[in-house]
Amino acid sequence: MSSLLSNYMQKEQQLKQLQDELDRLENDERLKAELEFKTKLEALMKEFDKSANDVIELLNPKPGAAPKAAAPSAGTRRKRKLKIYKHPQTGEVVETRGGNQKTLKAWKDEFGAETVESWLVRTED
């Protein structure tokens, strides 16, 4: 057989398998319930002129979030202080603004967090 014909027959078989899967899904009661919910929700959103984002925001508001118009700097937070650590034996210096720095974490695993915190040389803004 030519490769074109064999490719066609392979695609035809895949299509049949996909159609069988689709038929099984269409008869699944869970899918029917989800499709019904989606249809009703879309109708309700249209009736009240709401977008998906409006619904998400309504159902899952961010705690402590002020209305968008009242918070011009929403989404910004204060910059963390720069902490500078120096390993007393090797002299290696680590500068970080967070506790998730690779070398710092390795030191804490090896020597303990309290010991590593004692290696803090200085803190800067």
Protein backbone atom coordinates (compact mmCIF):
# COMPACT_ATOMS: atom_id res chain seq x y z
CA MET A 1 0.00 0.00 0.00
CA SER A 2 1.12 3.52 -0.62
CA SER A 3 2.01 5.65 2.35
CA LEU A 4 -0.78 8.04 1.47
CA LEU A 5 -3.37 5.27 1.55
CA SER A 6 -1.99 3.81 4.79
CA ASN A 7 -1.95 7.29 6.36
CA TYR A 8 -5.60 7.75 5.29
CA MET A 9 -6.63 4.41 6.77
CA GLN A 10 -4.79 5.21 10.02
CA LYS A 11 -6.53 8.58 10.29
CA GLU A 12 -9.86 6.92 9.53
CA GLN A 13 -9.30 4.47 12.42
CA GLN A 14 -8.32 7.31 14.76
CA LEU A 15 -11.45 9.21 13.73
CA LYS A 16 -13.61 6.18 14.51
CA GLN A 17 -11.98 5.81 17.95
CA LEU A 18 -12.50 9.51 18.68
CA GLN A 19 -16.12 9.29 17.53
CA ASP A 20 -16.68 6.31 19.86
CA GLU A 21 -15.18 8.29 22.77
CA LEU A 22 -17.32 11.31 21.90
CA ASP A 23 -20.46 9.14 21.81
CA ARG A 24 -19.62 7.71 25.26
CA LEU A 25 -19.07 11.21 26.64
CA GLU A 26 -22.32 12.51 25.20
CA ASN A 27 -24.19 9.78 27.08
CA ASP A 28 -22.40 10.52 30.37
CA GLU A 29 -24.83 12.04 32.88
CA ARG A 30 -22.05 14.07 34.52
CA LEU A 31 -21.25 15.77 31.21
CA LYS A 32 -24.92 16.42 30.58
CA ALA A 33 -25.22 18.09 34.00
CA GLU A 34 -22.11 20.22 33.39
CA LEU A 35 -23.34 21.29 29.95
CA GLU A 36 -26.73 22.22 31.41
CA PHE A 37 -25.02 24.24 34.17
CA LYS A 38 -22.79 26.00 31.63
CA THR A 39 -25.78 26.87 29.42
CA LYS A 40 -27.80 28.23 32.35
CA LEU A 41 -24.82 30.17 33.69
CA GLU A 42 -24.12 31.76 30.29
CA ALA A 43 -27.79 32.74 30.00
CA LEU A 44 -27.72 34.29 33.47
CA MET A 45 -24.49 36.16 32.69
CA LYS A 46 -26.04 37.50 29.50
CA GLU A 47 -29.23 38.51 31.32
CA PHE A 48 -27.23 40.53 33.87
CA ASP A 49 -24.58 41.67 31.40
CA LYS A 50 -21.71 40.06 33.34
CA SER A 51 -18.45 38.58 32.05
CA ALA A 52 -16.72 35.42 33.27
CA ASN A 53 -14.22 37.63 35.11
CA ASP A 54 -17.09 39.45 36.84
CA VAL A 55 -18.47 36.13 38.07
CA ILE A 56 -15.06 34.92 39.24
CA GLU A 57 -14.45 38.16 41.12
CA LEU A 58 -17.90 37.96 42.68
CA LEU A 59 -17.49 34.35 43.83
CA ASN A 60 -13.83 34.55 44.83
CA PRO A 61 -12.97 38.10 45.93
CA LYS A 62 -9.45 38.74 47.05
CA PRO A 63 -9.43 39.24 50.83
CA GLY A 64 -8.95 42.85 51.83
CA ALA A 65 -9.10 44.04 48.23
CA ALA A 66 -10.45 47.53 47.84
CA PRO A 67 -12.59 48.48 44.86
CA LYS A 68 -10.48 48.97 41.74
CA ALA A 69 -11.23 52.68 41.40
CA ALA A 70 -10.24 53.39 45.00
CA ALA A 71 -6.86 51.63 44.85
CA PRO A 72 -4.54 53.17 42.24
CA SER A 73 -1.55 51.16 43.47
CA ALA A 74 -3.33 47.82 43.73
CA GLY A 75 -1.01 44.87 43.20
CA THR A 76 2.13 46.54 44.53
CA ARG A 77 3.78 45.80 47.82
CA ARG A 78 6.67 47.11 49.81
CA LYS A 79 10.07 45.91 48.67
CA ARG A 80 11.73 43.45 51.04
CA LYS A 81 14.92 44.43 52.81
CA LEU A 82 18.19 43.15 51.43
CA LYS A 83 19.84 40.75 53.86
CA ILE A 84 23.54 40.00 53.58
CA TYR A 85 24.89 36.80 55.10
CA LYS A 86 28.53 35.76 55.36
CA HIS A 87 29.62 32.15 55.97
CA PRO A 88 32.16 32.37 58.83
CA GLN A 89 34.33 29.46 57.63
CA THR A 90 34.36 29.96 53.84
CA GLY A 91 33.82 33.73 53.72
CA GLU A 92 31.13 33.21 51.04
CA VAL A 93 28.61 36.08 50.94
CA VAL A 94 24.92 35.73 50.05
CA GLU A 95 22.69 38.73 49.38
CA THR A 96 18.96 38.06 49.24
CA ARG A 97 15.59 39.76 49.59
CA GLY A 98 13.77 36.50 50.34
CA GLY A 99 14.34 33.24 52.18
CA ASN A 100 14.15 31.09 49.08
CA GLN A 101 17.72 31.67 47.91
CA LYS A 102 19.44 28.41 46.93
CA THR A 103 22.72 28.79 48.82
CA LEU A 104 20.96 30.19 51.90
CA LYS A 105 18.55 27.25 51.94
CA ALA A 106 21.45 24.80 51.64
CA TRP A 107 23.21 26.48 54.56
CA LYS A 108 20.04 26.32 56.67
CA ASP A 109 19.62 22.63 55.85
CA GLU A 110 23.22 21.92 56.81
CA PHE A 111 23.74 24.21 59.82
CA GLY A 112 20.20 25.06 60.98
CA ALA A 113 18.18 28.23 60.45
CA GLU A 114 19.11 29.77 63.80
CA THR A 115 22.85 29.36 63.15
CA VAL A 116 22.59 30.80 59.63
CA GLU A 117 20.56 33.76 60.91
CA SER A 118 23.46 34.51 63.27
CA TRP A 119 25.64 34.96 60.14
CA LEU A 120 23.56 38.00 59.10
CA VAL A 121 26.07 40.78 58.49
CA ARG A 122 23.68 43.62 57.75
CA THR A 123 20.25 44.57 56.40
CA GLU A 124 19.65 47.29 53.79
CA ASP A 125 16.48 48.85 52.35
